[in-house]
């Protein structure tokens, strides 16, 4: 019984890491596809706050993905960029992972 539980737990952990890695990859691809780098550099402020500065601002907050997504939606400059809720979540998760 303990072995079966241990295997189930190990599979669940492995699945969650694989899912997180997939979301990270999707977020990185969306940054390129949606043109985020036109204004946001990775680690220096250019035309807008850097992606790492955004991550630092939101990291550790409760519901950081939701807060960052909401901020994106209300920022006027982003209105021209069409992003689904699912894409926005992947973008937010990726940005929040940057260190």
Protein backbone atom coordinates (compact mmCIF):
# COMPACT_ATOMS: atom_id res chain seq x y z
CA UNK A 1 0.00 0.00 0.00
CA UNK A 2 2.80 2.41 0.93
CA UNK A 3 4.64 1.66 -2.33
CA UNK A 4 1.52 2.37 -4.40
CA UNK A 5 0.99 5.67 -2.59
CA UNK A 6 4.65 6.58 -3.06
CA UNK A 7 4.46 5.86 -6.78
CA UNK A 8 1.25 7.85 -7.12
CA UNK A 9 2.78 10.79 -5.28
CA UNK A 10 5.92 10.63 -7.43
CA UNK A 11 3.81 10.58 -10.61
CA UNK A 12 1.76 13.55 -9.41
CA UNK A 13 4.91 15.55 -8.63
CA UNK A 14 6.48 14.65 -11.98
CA UNK A 15 3.28 15.62 -13.81
CA UNK A 16 3.10 18.98 -12.04
CA UNK A 17 6.74 19.75 -12.96
CA UNK A 18 6.09 18.75 -16.57
CA UNK A 19 2.97 20.93 -16.69
CA UNK A 20 4.87 23.89 -15.21
CA UNK A 21 7.70 23.43 -17.70
CA UNK A 22 5.20 23.36 -20.56
CA UNK A 23 3.56 26.58 -19.32
CA UNK A 24 7.01 28.20 -19.00
CA UNK A 25 7.86 27.26 -22.58
CA UNK A 26 4.51 28.51 -23.85
CA UNK A 27 5.03 31.81 -22.01
CA UNK A 28 8.50 32.28 -23.49
CA UNK A 29 7.16 31.58 -26.97
CA UNK A 30 4.29 34.02 -26.48
CA UNK A 31 6.68 36.79 -25.43
CA UNK A 32 8.36 36.44 -28.80
CA UNK A 33 5.13 35.92 -30.77
CA UNK A 34 3.20 38.82 -29.22
CA UNK A 35 6.10 41.28 -29.52
CA UNK A 36 6.56 41.97 -25.80
CA UNK A 37 10.26 42.58 -26.34
CA UNK A 38 9.52 45.61 -28.50
CA UNK A 39 9.00 47.53 -25.25
CA UNK A 40 10.11 45.20 -22.44
CA UNK A 41 13.73 44.06 -22.26
CA UNK A 42 14.62 41.07 -20.11
CA UNK A 43 16.63 42.84 -17.43
CA UNK A 44 16.98 46.52 -18.29
CA UNK A 45 14.38 49.26 -18.56
CA UNK A 46 14.04 50.41 -22.13
CA UNK A 47 10.72 51.82 -23.30
CA UNK A 48 8.95 50.05 -20.43
CA UNK A 49 9.77 48.26 -17.19
CA UNK A 50 11.90 45.14 -17.70
CA UNK A 51 10.41 41.67 -17.45
CA UNK A 52 12.58 40.89 -14.42
CA UNK A 53 11.41 44.09 -12.71
CA UNK A 54 7.81 43.04 -13.33
CA UNK A 55 8.57 39.64 -11.82
CA UNK A 56 10.17 41.21 -8.74
CA UNK A 57 7.20 43.56 -8.30
CA UNK A 58 4.63 40.74 -8.27
CA UNK A 59 6.59 37.76 -6.93
CA UNK A 60 5.45 36.68 -3.48
CA UNK A 61 2.08 38.39 -3.71
CA UNK A 62 -0.95 36.24 -3.17
CA UNK A 63 -2.62 35.49 -6.48
CA UNK A 64 0.34 37.04 -8.34
CA UNK A 65 -0.69 35.56 -11.70
CA UNK A 66 -4.18 37.06 -11.36
CA UNK A 67 -2.80 40.43 -10.21
CA UNK A 68 -0.30 40.61 -13.07
CA UNK A 69 -2.97 39.55 -15.58
CA UNK A 70 -5.36 42.22 -14.32
CA UNK A 71 -2.63 44.86 -14.54
CA UNK A 72 -1.93 43.80 -18.12
CA UNK A 73 -5.61 44.08 -19.06
CA UNK A 74 -5.96 47.61 -17.66
CA UNK A 75 -2.72 48.95 -19.19
CA UNK A 76 -3.77 51.00 -22.21
CA UNK A 77 -0.70 50.22 -24.29
CA UNK A 78 -1.54 46.53 -24.30
CA UNK A 79 -5.02 46.97 -25.79
CA UNK A 80 -3.70 46.55 -29.33
CA UNK A 81 -2.23 43.12 -28.52
CA UNK A 82 -4.81 40.34 -28.64
CA UNK A 83 -4.15 37.79 -25.89
CA UNK A 84 -6.55 35.11 -24.67
CA UNK A 85 -6.98 34.50 -20.95
CA UNK A 86 -5.05 31.23 -21.28
CA UNK A 87 -2.18 32.96 -23.10
CA UNK A 88 -2.13 35.75 -20.55
CA UNK A 89 -1.89 33.22 -17.72
CA UNK A 90 1.05 31.50 -19.46
CA UNK A 91 2.74 34.87 -20.01
CA UNK A 92 2.25 35.86 -16.37
CA UNK A 93 3.56 32.52 -15.09
CA UNK A 94 6.62 32.81 -17.31
CA UNK A 95 7.38 36.40 -16.28
CA UNK A 96 6.96 35.52 -12.61
CA UNK A 97 9.52 32.72 -13.01
CA UNK A 98 12.24 35.13 -14.14
CA UNK A 99 14.95 35.89 -11.62
